[in-house]
Amino acid sequence: MAGKSNIKKRTYSEDYLKFGFMSINSRDGIKAQCVICFKVLSVESMKQFQLKRHFEKEHPDYEDKVISFFQQMVDTVKKTKLDATGDFQTSSKSALEASYIVSLRIAKQRNLIQLEKN
C-alpha cells in the first residue's frame, strides 16, 4: 500500500517581495528568484529566513527600499528573457527589425551580383 508523502511543498508568498524575491515556474515547481542578482533558489530554500538571509548578506544597500521598488524590478525582470546561454537579454523589436533590414539588403545585393555574373 502506497503511503502519502510527508514532504511539505513550499509555496511562494507575496511577502517574499519585501526581500526582493519573485516567483518563477520551473520543472521542479515554483522557485524564488532574486530580482536584484537574478539568483534562483531551490524549492527547499524557499523559506522566509533563507530569503531574508540572502537579501541581508548579498544586498544590504537595498534594505531601505519599499515594496514598490521591488515590484518595479519584478516588472523589469518579466520583460527580460534568457537566451540559450542562460544570459539575460532584453528583446528589442527595433533591433530585430534593423537586423532583418540589413539581412534583406545583403541578400538582395548577393542576388544582384549573381545575376550580373550570368
PDB file of N, CA and C in Angstrom:
ATOM      1  N   MET A   1       0.836  -1.170   0.000  1.00  0.00           N
ATOM      2  CA  MET A   1       0.000   0.000   0.000  1.00  0.00           C
ATOM      3  C   MET A   1       0.885   1.238   0.000  1.00  0.00           C
ATOM      4  N   ALA A   2       0.658   2.091  -0.944  1.00  0.00           N
ATOM      5  CA  ALA A   2       1.487   3.292  -1.073  1.00  0.00           C
ATOM      6  C   ALA A   2       1.011   4.358  -0.105  1.00  0.00           C
ATOM      7  N   GLY A   3       1.942   4.860   0.701  1.00  0.00           N
ATOM      8  CA  GLY A   3       1.593   5.913   1.648  1.00  0.00           C
ATOM      9  C   GLY A   3       1.802   7.283   1.042  1.00  0.00           C
ATOM     10  N   LYS A   4       1.134   8.249   1.619  1.00  0.00           N
ATOM     11  CA  LYS A   4       1.284   9.620   1.138  1.00  0.00           C
ATOM     12  C   LYS A   4       2.632  10.163   1.579  1.00  0.00           C
ATOM     13  N   SER A   5       3.203  10.984   0.745  1.00  0.00           N
ATOM     14  CA  SER A   5       4.488  11.588   1.055  1.00  0.00           C
ATOM     15  C   SER A   5       4.314  12.658   2.122  1.00  0.00           C
ATOM     16  N   ASN A   6       5.221  12.671   3.083  1.00  0.00           N
ATOM     17  CA  ASN A   6       5.170  13.667   4.144  1.00  0.00           C
ATOM     18  C   ASN A   6       6.000  14.899   3.812  1.00  0.00           C
ATOM     19  N   ILE A   7       6.479  14.980   2.580  1.00  0.00           N
ATOM     20  CA  ILE A   7       7.297  16.115   2.181  1.00  0.00           C
ATOM     21  C   ILE A   7       6.398  17.334   2.012  1.00  0.00           C
ATOM     22  N   LYS A   8       6.767  18.403   2.699  1.00  0.00           N
ATOM     23  CA  LYS A   8       5.993  19.636   2.617  1.00  0.00           C
ATOM     24  C   LYS A   8       6.458  20.424   1.400  1.00  0.00           C
ATOM     25  N   LYS A   9       5.506  20.728   0.521  1.00  0.00           N
ATOM     26  CA  LYS A   9       5.845  21.529  -0.653  1.00  0.00           C
ATOM     27  C   LYS A   9       5.811  22.994  -0.272  1.00  0.00           C
ATOM     28  N   ARG A  10       6.903  23.680  -0.537  1.00  0.00           N
ATOM     29  CA  ARG A  10       6.985  25.107  -0.248  1.00  0.00           C
ATOM     30  C   ARG A  10       6.277  25.876  -1.358  1.00  0.00           C
ATOM     31  N   THR A  11       5.585  26.908  -0.972  1.00  0.00           N
ATOM     32  CA  THR A  11       4.920  27.750  -1.950  1.00  0.00           C
ATOM     33  C   THR A  11       5.403  29.183  -1.789  1.00  0.00           C
ATOM     34  N   TYR A  12       5.318  29.922  -2.862  1.00  0.00           N
ATOM     35  CA  TYR A  12       5.741  31.319  -2.852  1.00  0.00           C
ATOM     36  C   TYR A  12       4.703  32.155  -2.116  1.00  0.00           C
ATOM     37  N   SER A  13       5.178  33.100  -1.337  1.00  0.00           N
ATOM     38  CA  SER A  13       4.313  34.039  -0.630  1.00  0.00           C
ATOM     39  C   SER A  13       4.627  35.448  -1.127  1.00  0.00           C
ATOM     40  N   GLU A  14       3.610  36.258  -1.302  1.00  0.00           N
ATOM     41  CA  GLU A  14       3.815  37.642  -1.744  1.00  0.00           C
ATOM     42  C   GLU A  14       4.677  38.422  -0.751  1.00  0.00           C
ATOM     43  N   ASP A  15       4.760  37.948   0.491  1.00  0.00           N
ATOM     44  CA  ASP A  15       5.610  38.597   1.497  1.00  0.00           C
ATOM     45  C   ASP A  15       7.089  38.538   1.119  1.00  0.00           C
ATOM     46  N   TYR A  16       7.454  37.587   0.262  1.00  0.00           N
ATOM     47  CA  TYR A  16       8.854  37.434  -0.129  1.00  0.00           C
ATOM     48  C   TYR A  16       9.340  38.610  -0.977  1.00  0.00           C
ATOM     49  N   LEU A  17       8.409  39.364  -1.537  1.00  0.00           N
ATOM     50  CA  LEU A  17       8.788  40.506  -2.364  1.00  0.00           C
ATOM     51  C   LEU A  17       9.550  41.551  -1.550  1.00  0.00           C
ATOM     52  N   LYS A  18       9.251  41.657  -0.263  1.00  0.00           N
ATOM     53  CA  LYS A  18       9.963  42.647   0.559  1.00  0.00           C
ATOM     54  C   LYS A  18      11.439  42.292   0.724  1.00  0.00           C
ATOM     55  N   PHE A  19      11.804  41.045   0.406  1.00  0.00           N
ATOM     56  CA  PHE A  19      13.203  40.621   0.414  1.00  0.00           C
ATOM     57  C   PHE A  19      13.772  40.575  -1.002  1.00  0.00           C
ATOM     58  N   GLY A  20      12.999  41.077  -1.971  1.00  0.00           N
ATOM     59  CA  GLY A  20      13.486  41.148  -3.344  1.00  0.00           C
ATOM     60  C   GLY A  20      13.333  39.868  -4.138  1.00  0.00           C
ATOM     61  N   PHE A  21      12.380  39.019  -3.778  1.00  0.00           N
ATOM     62  CA  PHE A  21      12.188  37.754  -4.483  1.00  0.00           C
ATOM     63  C   PHE A  21      10.837  37.694  -5.167  1.00  0.00           C
ATOM     64  N   MET A  22      10.860  37.198  -6.394  1.00  0.00           N
ATOM     65  CA  MET A  22       9.644  36.947  -7.153  1.00  0.00           C
ATOM     66  C   MET A  22       9.549  35.443  -7.402  1.00  0.00           C
ATOM     67  N   SER A  23       8.405  34.972  -7.847  1.00  0.00           N
ATOM     68  CA  SER A  23       8.251  33.545  -8.123  1.00  0.00           C
ATOM     69  C   SER A  23       8.470  33.273  -9.607  1.00  0.00           C
ATOM     70  N   ILE A  24       9.066  32.126  -9.892  1.00  0.00           N
ATOM     71  CA  ILE A  24       9.214  31.673 -11.276  1.00  0.00           C
ATOM     72  C   ILE A  24       8.816  30.204 -11.334  1.00  0.00           C
ATOM     73  N   ASN A  25       8.331  29.777 -12.478  1.00  0.00           N
ATOM     74  CA  ASN A  25       7.966  28.378 -12.674  1.00  0.00           C
ATOM     75  C   ASN A  25       9.143  27.638 -13.283  1.00  0.00           C
ATOM     76  N   SER A  26       9.381  26.444 -12.784  1.00  0.00           N
ATOM     77  CA  SER A  26      10.445  25.606 -13.342  1.00  0.00           C
ATOM     78  C   SER A  26       9.957  24.168 -13.372  1.00  0.00           C
ATOM     79  N   ARG A  27      10.764  23.293 -13.904  1.00  0.00           N
ATOM     80  CA  ARG A  27      10.395  21.874 -13.946  1.00  0.00           C
ATOM     81  C   ARG A  27      10.194  21.306 -12.547  1.00  0.00           C
ATOM     82  N   ASP A  28      10.932  21.845 -11.588  1.00  0.00           N
ATOM     83  CA  ASP A  28      10.864  21.342 -10.216  1.00  0.00           C
ATOM     84  C   ASP A  28       9.732  21.962  -9.409  1.00  0.00           C
ATOM     85  N   GLY A  29       9.034  22.915  -9.977  1.00  0.00           N
ATOM     86  CA  GLY A  29       7.965  23.605  -9.263  1.00  0.00           C
ATOM     87  C   GLY A  29       8.245  25.092  -9.193  1.00  0.00           C
ATOM     88  N   ILE A  30       7.542  25.763  -8.331  1.00  0.00           N
ATOM     89  CA  ILE A  30       7.715  27.205  -8.186  1.00  0.00           C
ATOM     90  C   ILE A  30       8.938  27.481  -7.328  1.00  0.00           C
ATOM     91  N   LYS A  31       9.795  28.387  -7.824  1.00  0.00           N
ATOM     92  CA  LYS A  31      11.012  28.761  -7.107  1.00  0.00           C
ATOM     93  C   LYS A  31      11.026  30.266  -6.897  1.00  0.00           C
ATOM     94  N   ALA A  32      11.909  30.711  -6.011  1.00  0.00           N
ATOM     95  CA  ALA A  32      12.073  32.140  -5.751  1.00  0.00           C
ATOM     96  C   ALA A  32      13.303  32.637  -6.501  1.00  0.00           C
ATOM     97  N   GLN A  33      13.155  33.778  -7.182  1.00  0.00           N
ATOM     98  CA  GLN A  33      14.269  34.384  -7.906  1.00  0.00           C
ATOM     99  C   GLN A  33      14.489  35.794  -7.381  1.00  0.00           C
ATOM    100  N   CYS A  34      15.736  36.099  -7.073  1.00  0.00           N
ATOM    101  CA  CYS A  34      16.102  37.432  -6.606  1.00  0.00           C
ATOM    102  C   CYS A  34      16.022  38.399  -7.783  1.00  0.00           C
ATOM    103  N   VAL A  35      15.300  39.496  -7.601  1.00  0.00           N
ATOM    104  CA  VAL A  35      15.147  40.464  -8.691  1.00  0.00           C
ATOM    105  C   VAL A  35      16.345  41.396  -8.800  1.00  0.00           C
ATOM    106  N   ILE A  36      17.278  41.297  -7.871  1.00  0.00           N
ATOM    107  CA  ILE A  36      18.462  42.156  -7.894  1.00  0.00           C
ATOM    108  C   ILE A  36      19.619  41.448  -8.597  1.00  0.00           C
ATOM    109  N   CYS A  37      19.925  40.220  -8.178  1.00  0.00           N
ATOM    110  CA  CYS A  37      21.054  39.491  -8.770  1.00  0.00           C
ATOM    111  C   CYS A  37      20.606  38.349  -9.683  1.00  0.00           C
ATOM    112  N   PHE A  38      19.297  38.110  -9.779  1.00  0.00           N
ATOM    113  CA  PHE A  38      18.685  37.091 -10.630  1.00  0.00           C
ATOM    114  C   PHE A  38      18.966  35.663 -10.175  1.00  0.00           C
ATOM    115  N   LYS A  39      19.529  35.477  -8.990  1.00  0.00           N
ATOM    116  CA  LYS A  39      19.807  34.133  -8.486  1.00  0.00           C
ATOM    117  C   LYS A  39      18.487  33.419  -8.208  1.00  0.00           C
ATOM    118  N   VAL A  40      18.407  32.168  -8.641  1.00  0.00           N
ATOM    119  CA  VAL A  40      17.224  31.354  -8.406  1.00  0.00           C
ATOM    120  C   VAL A  40      17.554  30.368  -7.295  1.00  0.00           C
ATOM    121  N   LEU A  41      16.749  30.388  -6.250  1.00  0.00           N
ATOM    122  CA  LEU A  41      16.964  29.478  -5.134  1.00  0.00           C
ATOM    123  C   LEU A  41      16.164  28.203  -5.339  1.00  0.00           C
ATOM    124  N   SER A  42      16.621  27.128  -4.745  1.00  0.00           N
ATOM    125  CA  SER A  42      15.930  25.853  -4.876  1.00  0.00           C
ATOM    126  C   SER A  42      14.582  25.905  -4.167  1.00  0.00           C
ATOM    127  N   VAL A  43      13.736  24.950  -4.490  1.00  0.00           N
ATOM    128  CA  VAL A  43      12.422  24.870  -3.851  1.00  0.00           C
ATOM    129  C   VAL A  43      12.595  24.730  -2.341  1.00  0.00           C
ATOM    130  N   GLU A  44      13.585  23.951  -1.925  1.00  0.00           N
ATOM    131  CA  GLU A  44      13.835  23.736  -0.498  1.00  0.00           C
ATOM    132  C   GLU A  44      14.289  25.014   0.199  1.00  0.00           C
ATOM    133  N   SER A  45      14.866  25.929  -0.546  1.00  0.00           N
ATOM    134  CA  SER A  45      15.366  27.181   0.039  1.00  0.00           C
ATOM    135  C   SER A  45      14.294  28.252   0.157  1.00  0.00           C
ATOM    136  N   MET A  46      13.094  27.947  -0.273  1.00  0.00           N
ATOM    137  CA  MET A  46      12.040  28.950  -0.246  1.00  0.00           C
ATOM    138  C   MET A  46      11.428  29.050   1.157  1.00  0.00           C
ATOM    139  N   LYS A  47      12.263  29.483   2.058  1.00  0.00           N
ATOM    140  CA  LYS A  47      11.858  29.731   3.440  1.00  0.00           C
ATOM    141  C   LYS A  47      12.180  31.184   3.725  1.00  0.00           C
ATOM    142  N   GLN A  48      11.308  31.833   4.465  1.00  0.00           N
ATOM    143  CA  GLN A  48      11.470  33.262   4.691  1.00  0.00           C
ATOM    144  C   GLN A  48      12.832  33.604   5.277  1.00  0.00           C
ATOM    145  N   PHE A  49      13.313  32.820   6.246  1.00  0.00           N
ATOM    146  CA  PHE A  49      14.598  33.160   6.866  1.00  0.00           C
ATOM    147  C   PHE A  49      15.753  33.027   5.882  1.00  0.00           C
ATOM    148  N   GLN A  50      15.667  32.077   4.931  1.00  0.00           N
ATOM    149  CA  GLN A  50      16.740  31.930   3.945  1.00  0.00           C
ATOM    150  C   GLN A  50      16.707  33.054   2.912  1.00  0.00           C
ATOM    151  N   LEU A  51      15.515  33.464   2.525  1.00  0.00           N
ATOM    152  CA  LEU A  51      15.399  34.580   1.590  1.00  0.00           C
ATOM    153  C   LEU A  51      15.889  35.867   2.245  1.00  0.00           C
ATOM    154  N   LYS A  52      15.523  36.042   3.504  1.00  0.00           N
ATOM    155  CA  LYS A  52      15.951  37.230   4.246  1.00  0.00           C
ATOM    156  C   LYS A  52      17.471  37.229   4.415  1.00  0.00           C
ATOM    157  N   ARG A  53      18.047  36.060   4.701  1.00  0.00           N
ATOM    158  CA  ARG A  53      19.497  35.949   4.865  1.00  0.00           C
ATOM    159  C   ARG A  53      20.220  36.314   3.568  1.00  0.00           C
ATOM    160  N   HIS A  54      19.720  35.803   2.440  1.00  0.00           N
ATOM    161  CA  HIS A  54      20.309  36.147   1.140  1.00  0.00           C
ATOM    162  C   HIS A  54      20.240  37.655   0.926  1.00  0.00           C
ATOM    163  N   PHE A  55      19.078  38.220   1.189  1.00  0.00           N
ATOM    164  CA  PHE A  55      18.858  39.651   0.973  1.00  0.00           C
ATOM    165  C   PHE A  55      19.796  40.494   1.828  1.00  0.00           C
ATOM    166  N   GLU A  56      19.889  40.177   3.107  1.00  0.00           N
ATOM    167  CA  GLU A  56      20.726  40.968   4.021  1.00  0.00           C
ATOM    168  C   GLU A  56      22.214  40.793   3.744  1.00  0.00           C
ATOM    169  N   LYS A  57      22.609  39.583   3.346  1.00  0.00           N
ATOM    170  CA  LYS A  57      24.024  39.302   3.096  1.00  0.00           C
ATOM    171  C   LYS A  57      24.485  39.839   1.739  1.00  0.00           C
ATOM    172  N   GLU A  58      23.685  39.612   0.705  1.00  0.00           N
ATOM    173  CA  GLU A  58      24.091  39.952  -0.656  1.00  0.00           C
ATOM    174  C   GLU A  58      23.710  41.372  -1.084  1.00  0.00           C
ATOM    175  N   HIS A  59      22.646  41.922  -0.500  1.00  0.00           N
ATOM    176  CA  HIS A  59      22.135  43.213  -0.972  1.00  0.00           C
ATOM    177  C   HIS A  59      21.805  44.169   0.178  1.00  0.00           C
ATOM    178  N   PRO A  60      22.750  44.442   1.055  1.00  0.00           N
ATOM    179  CA  PRO A  60      22.448  45.320   2.196  1.00  0.00           C
ATOM    180  C   PRO A  60      22.081  46.747   1.778  1.00  0.00           C
ATOM    181  N   ASP A  61      22.519  47.165   0.605  1.00  0.00           N
ATOM    182  CA  ASP A  61      22.203  48.520   0.132  1.00  0.00           C
ATOM    183  C   ASP A  61      20.722  48.695  -0.201  1.00  0.00           C
ATOM    184  N   TYR A  62      19.995  47.586  -0.334  1.00  0.00           N
ATOM    185  CA  TYR A  62      18.589  47.649  -0.729  1.00  0.00           C
ATOM    186  C   TYR A  62      17.626  47.484   0.447  1.00  0.00           C
ATOM    187  N   GLU A  63      18.151  47.376   1.657  1.00  0.00           N
ATOM    188  CA  GLU A  63      17.299  47.103   2.817  1.00  0.00           C
ATOM    189  C   GLU A  63      16.278  48.196   3.101  1.00  0.00           C
ATOM    190  N   ASP A  64      16.572  49.431   2.703  1.00  0.00           N
ATOM    191  CA  ASP A  64      15.643  50.525   2.984  1.00  0.00           C
ATOM    192  C   ASP A  64      14.643  50.767   1.851  1.00  0.00           C
ATOM    193  N   LYS A  65      14.664  49.932   0.825  1.00  0.00           N
ATOM    194  CA  LYS A  65      13.767  50.111  -0.320  1.00  0.00           C
ATOM    195  C   LYS A  65      12.348  49.650   0.026  1.00  0.00           C
ATOM    196  N   VAL A  66      11.375  50.307  -0.594  1.00  0.00           N
ATOM    197  CA  VAL A  66       9.967  49.973  -0.352  1.00  0.00           C
ATOM    198  C   VAL A  66       9.513  48.907  -1.345  1.00  0.00           C
ATOM    199  N   ILE A  67       8.379  48.293  -1.055  1.00  0.00           N
ATOM    200  CA  ILE A  67       7.849  47.207  -1.885  1.00  0.00           C
ATOM    201  C   ILE A  67       7.665  47.658  -3.339  1.00  0.00           C
ATOM    202  N   SER A  68       7.244  48.890  -3.550  1.00  0.00           N
ATOM    203  CA  SER A  68       7.006  49.360  -4.923  1.00  0.00           C
ATOM    204  C   SER A  68       8.293  49.321  -5.758  1.00  0.00           C
ATOM    205  N   PHE A  69       9.437  49.530  -5.119  1.00  0.00           N
ATOM    206  CA  PHE A  69      10.716  49.430  -5.822  1.00  0.00           C
ATOM    207  C   PHE A  69      10.913  48.005  -6.331  1.00  0.00           C
ATOM    208  N   PHE A  70      10.657  47.025  -5.462  1.00  0.00           N
ATOM    209  CA  PHE A  70      10.846  45.628  -5.853  1.00  0.00           C
ATOM    210  C   PHE A  70       9.807  45.204  -6.890  1.00  0.00           C
ATOM    211  N   GLN A  71       8.590  45.757  -6.800  1.00  0.00           N
ATOM    212  CA  GLN A  71       7.574  45.443  -7.801  1.00  0.00           C
ATOM    213  C   GLN A  71       8.009  45.955  -9.168  1.00  0.00           C
ATOM    214  N   GLN A  72       8.634  47.113  -9.187  1.00  0.00           N
ATOM    215  CA  GLN A  72       9.161  47.664 -10.430  1.00  0.00           C
ATOM    216  C   GLN A  72      10.274  46.758 -10.983  1.00  0.00           C
ATOM    217  N   MET A  73      11.099  46.232 -10.085  1.00  0.00           N
ATOM    218  CA  MET A  73      12.154  45.300 -10.503  1.00  0.00           C
ATOM    219  C   MET A  73      11.540  44.023 -11.088  1.00  0.00           C
ATOM    220  N   VAL A  74      10.458  43.533 -10.477  1.00  0.00           N
ATOM    221  CA  VAL A  74       9.764  42.344 -10.985  1.00  0.00           C
ATOM    222  C   VAL A  74       9.283  42.600 -12.406  1.00  0.00           C
ATOM    223  N   ASP A  75       8.675  43.754 -12.622  1.00  0.00           N
ATOM    224  CA  ASP A  75       8.188  44.096 -13.960  1.00  0.00           C
ATOM    225  C   ASP A  75       9.327  44.113 -14.971  1.00  0.00           C
ATOM    226  N   THR A  76      10.477  44.628 -14.563  1.00  0.00           N
ATOM    227  CA  THR A  76      11.648  44.670 -15.441  1.00  0.00           C
ATOM    228  C   THR A  76      12.140  43.261 -15.761  1.00  0.00           C
ATOM    229  N   VAL A  77      12.205  42.406 -14.744  1.00  0.00           N
ATOM    230  CA  VAL A  77      12.672  41.028 -14.951  1.00  0.00           C
ATOM    231  C   VAL A  77      11.717  40.278 -15.873  1.00  0.00           C
ATOM    232  N   LYS A  78      10.415  40.517 -15.720  1.00  0.00           N
ATOM    233  CA  LYS A  78       9.438  39.820 -16.565  1.00  0.00           C
ATOM    234  C   LYS A  78       9.539  40.245 -18.026  1.00  0.00           C
ATOM    235  N   LYS A  79      10.050  41.437 -18.273  1.00  0.00           N
ATOM    236  CA  LYS A  79      10.237  41.903 -19.650  1.00  0.00           C
ATOM    237  C   LYS A  79      11.521  41.346 -20.248  1.00  0.00           C
ATOM    238  N   THR A  80      12.307  40.676 -19.429  1.00  0.00           N
ATOM    239  CA  THR A  80      13.586  40.125 -19.847  1.00  0.00           C
ATOM    240  C   THR A  80      13.426  38.631 -20.082  1.00  0.00           C
ATOM    241  N   LYS A  81      14.258  38.082 -20.920  1.00  0.00           N
ATOM    242  CA  LYS A  81      14.200  36.632 -21.125  1.00  0.00           C
ATOM    243  C   LYS A  81      15.607  36.074 -21.192  1.00  0.00           C
ATOM    244  N   LEU A  82      15.722  34.781 -20.957  1.00  0.00           N
ATOM    245  CA  LEU A  82      17.014  34.104 -21.035  1.00  0.00           C
ATOM    246  C   LEU A  82      17.258  33.636 -22.457  1.00  0.00           C
ATOM    247  N   ASP A  83      18.489  33.763 -22.909  1.00  0.00           N
ATOM    248  CA  ASP A  83      18.830  33.203 -24.204  1.00  0.00           C
ATOM    249  C   ASP A  83      19.395  31.798 -23.995  1.00  0.00           C
ATOM    250  N   ALA A  84      19.858  31.171 -25.048  1.00  0.00           N
ATOM    251  CA  ALA A  84      20.324  29.784 -24.973  1.00  0.00           C
ATOM    252  C   ALA A  84      21.503  29.603 -24.026  1.00  0.00           C
ATOM    253  N   THR A  85      22.301  30.641 -23.808  1.00  0.00           N
ATOM    254  CA  THR A  85      23.461  30.516 -22.931  1.00  0.00           C
ATOM    255  C   THR A  85      23.100  30.720 -21.465  1.00  0.00           C
ATOM    256  N   GLY A  86      21.865  31.112 -21.185  1.00  0.00           N
ATOM    257  CA  GLY A  86      21.457  31.363 -19.810  1.00  0.00           C
ATOM    258  C   GLY A  86      21.651  32.803 -19.389  1.00  0.00           C
ATOM    259  N   ASP A  87      22.128  33.646 -20.313  1.00  0.00           N
ATOM    260  CA  ASP A  87      22.302  35.062 -20.015  1.00  0.00           C
ATOM    261  C   ASP A  87      21.004  35.805 -20.283  1.00  0.00           C
ATOM    262  N   PHE A  88      20.808  36.886 -19.552  1.00  0.00           N
ATOM    263  CA  PHE A  88      19.617  37.682 -19.760  1.00  0.00           C
ATOM    264  C   PHE A  88      19.793  38.579 -20.967  1.00  0.00           C
ATOM    265  N   GLN A  89      18.751  38.670 -21.749  1.00  0.00           N
ATOM    266  CA  GLN A  89      18.728  39.582 -22.881  1.00  0.00           C
ATOM    267  C   GLN A  89      17.352  40.220 -22.930  1.00  0.00           C
ATOM    268  N   THR A  90      17.296  41.492 -23.181  1.00  0.00           N
ATOM    269  CA  THR A  90      16.008  42.136 -23.364  1.00  0.00           C
ATOM    270  C   THR A  90      15.667  42.064 -24.836  1.00  0.00           C
ATOM    271  N   SER A  91      14.428  41.742 -25.114  1.00  0.00           N
ATOM    272  CA  SER A  91      14.027  41.677 -26.509  1.00  0.00           C
ATOM    273  C   SER A  91      13.699  43.079 -26.987  1.00  0.00           C
ATOM    274  N   SER A  92      14.219  43.419 -28.126  1.00  0.00           N
ATOM    275  CA  SER A  92      14.019  44.750 -28.673  1.00  0.00           C
ATOM    276  C   SER A  92      13.479  44.620 -30.090  1.00  0.00           C
ATOM    277  N   LYS A  93      12.263  45.085 -30.281  1.00  0.00           N
ATOM    278  CA  LYS A  93      11.631  44.987 -31.588  1.00  0.00           C
ATOM    279  C   LYS A  93      12.412  45.776 -32.633  1.00  0.00           C
ATOM    280  N   SER A  94      12.869  46.961 -32.265  1.00  0.00           N
ATOM    281  CA  SER A  94      13.595  47.789 -33.237  1.00  0.00           C
ATOM    282  C   SER A  94      14.922  47.147 -33.642  1.00  0.00           C
ATOM    283  N   ALA A  95      15.604  46.507 -32.715  1.00  0.00           N
ATOM    284  CA  ALA A  95      16.861  45.825 -33.048  1.00  0.00           C
ATOM    285  C   ALA A  95      16.601  44.650 -33.983  1.00  0.00           C
ATOM    286  N   LEU A  96      15.516  43.943 -33.748  1.00  0.00           N
ATOM    287  CA  LEU A  96      15.153  42.821 -34.609  1.00  0.00           C
ATOM    288  C   LEU A  96      14.822  43.314 -36.016  1.00  0.00           C
ATOM    289  N   GLU A  97      14.069  44.410 -36.091  1.00  0.00           N
ATOM    290  CA  GLU A  97      13.720  44.975 -37.395  1.00  0.00           C
ATOM    291  C   GLU A  97      14.967  45.445 -38.145  1.00  0.00           C
ATOM    292  N   ALA A  98      15.887  46.091 -37.443  1.00  0.00           N
ATOM    293  CA  ALA A  98      17.124  46.561 -38.071  1.00  0.00           C
ATOM    294  C   ALA A  98      17.933  45.384 -38.603  1.00  0.00           C
ATOM    295  N   SER A  99      18.006  44.321 -37.828  1.00  0.00           N
ATOM    296  CA  SER A  99      18.732  43.130 -38.253  1.00  0.00           C
ATOM    297  C   SER A  99      18.101  42.541 -39.514  1.00  0.00           C
ATOM    298  N   TYR A 100      16.785  42.517 -39.544  1.00  0.00           N
ATOM    299  CA  TYR A 100      16.079  41.994 -40.712  1.00  0.00           C
ATOM    300  C   TYR A 100      16.368  42.841 -41.952  1.00  0.00           C
ATOM    301  N   ILE A 101      16.314  44.159 -41.796  1.00  0.00           N
ATOM    302  CA  ILE A 101      16.553  45.069 -42.925  1.00  0.00           C
ATOM    303  C   ILE A 101      17.967  44.884 -43.479  1.00  0.00           C
ATOM    304  N   VAL A 102      18.947  44.795 -42.594  1.00  0.00           N
ATOM    305  CA  VAL A 102      20.337  44.593 -43.025  1.00  0.00           C
ATOM    306  C   VAL A 102      20.476  43.254 -43.748  1.00  0.00           C
ATOM    307  N   SER A 103      19.891  42.206 -43.194  1.00  0.00           N
ATOM    308  CA  SER A 103      19.965  40.879 -43.823  1.00  0.00           C
ATOM    309  C   SER A 103      19.307  40.887 -45.194  1.00  0.00           C
ATOM    310  N   LEU A 104      18.178  41.568 -45.296  1.00  0.00           N
ATOM    311  CA  LEU A 104      17.474  41.654 -46.573  1.00  0.00           C
ATOM    312  C   LEU A 104      18.316  42.387 -47.618  1.00  0.00           C
ATOM    313  N   ARG A 105      18.953  43.473 -47.219  1.00  0.00           N
ATOM    314  CA  ARG A 105      19.810  44.227 -48.150  1.00  0.00           C
ATOM    315  C   ARG A 105      21.000  43.387 -48.617  1.00  0.00           C
ATOM    316  N   ILE A 106      21.589  42.644 -47.698  1.00  0.00           N
ATOM    317  CA  ILE A 106      22.720  41.773 -48.063  1.00  0.00           C
ATOM    318  C   ILE A 106      22.259  40.712 -49.052  1.00  0.00           C
ATOM    319  N   ALA A 107      21.110  40.112 -48.788  1.00  0.00           N
ATOM    320  CA  ALA A 107      20.588  39.073 -49.678  1.00  0.00           C
ATOM    321  C   ALA A 107      20.291  39.639 -51.064  1.00  0.00           C
ATOM    322  N   LYS A 108      19.698  40.828 -51.121  1.00  0.00           N
ATOM    323  CA  LYS A 108      19.402  41.453 -52.415  1.00  0.00           C
ATOM    324  C   LYS A 108      20.689  41.768 -53.169  1.00  0.00           C
ATOM    325  N   GLN A 109      21.693  42.258 -52.444  1.00  0.00           N
ATOM    326  CA  GLN A 109      22.977  42.594 -53.070  1.00  0.00           C
ATOM    327  C   GLN A 109      23.635  41.338 -53.644  1.00  0.00           C
ATOM    328  N   ARG A 110      23.603  40.255 -52.906  1.00  0.00           N
ATOM    329  CA  ARG A 110      24.186  38.993 -53.394  1.00  0.00           C
ATOM    330  C   ARG A 110      23.436  38.504 -54.626  1.00  0.00           C
ATOM    331  N   ASN A 111      22.119  38.670 -54.599  1.00  0.00           N
ATOM    332  CA  ASN A 111      21.307  38.241 -55.730  1.00  0.00           C
ATOM    333  C   ASN A 111      21.654  39.058 -56.971  1.00  0.00           C
ATOM    334  N   LEU A 112      21.857  40.367 -56.820  1.00  0.00           N
ATOM    335  CA  LEU A 112      22.240  41.224 -57.945  1.00  0.00           C
ATOM    336  C   LEU A 112      23.597  40.823 -58.503  1.00  0.00           C
ATOM    337  N   ILE A 113      24.540  40.524 -57.632  1.00  0.00           N
ATOM    338  CA  ILE A 113      25.882  40.109 -58.066  1.00  0.00           C
ATOM    339  C   ILE A 113      25.800  38.814 -58.856  1.00  0.00           C
ATOM    340  N   GLN A 114      24.986  37.872 -58.384  1.00  0.00           N
ATOM    341  CA  GLN A 114      24.839  36.598 -59.089  1.00  0.00           C
ATOM    342  C   GLN A 114      24.188  36.803 -60.454  1.00  0.00           C
ATOM    343  N   LEU A 115      23.216  37.715 -60.549  1.00  0.00           N
ATOM    344  CA  LEU A 115      22.564  37.985 -61.829  1.00  0.00           C
ATOM    345  C   LEU A 115      23.542  38.624 -62.817  1.00  0.00           C
ATOM    346  N   GLU A 116      24.412  39.509 -62.320  1.00  0.00           N
ATOM    347  CA  GLU A 116      25.396  40.165 -63.184  1.00  0.00           C
ATOM    348  C   GLU A 116      26.410  39.165 -63.729  1.00  0.00           C
ATOM    349  N   LYS A 117      26.746  38.147 -62.957  1.00  0.00           N
ATOM    350  CA  LYS A 117      27.716  37.141 -63.398  1.00  0.00           C
ATOM    351  C   LYS A 117      27.133  36.272 -64.500  1.00  0.00           C
ATOM    352  N   ASN A 118      25.825  36.092 -64.497  1.00  0.00           N
ATOM    353  CA  ASN A 118      25.179  35.244 -65.516  1.00  0.00           C
ATOM    354  C   ASN A 118      25.027  36.017 -66.750  1.00  0.00           C
TER     355      ASN A 118
END
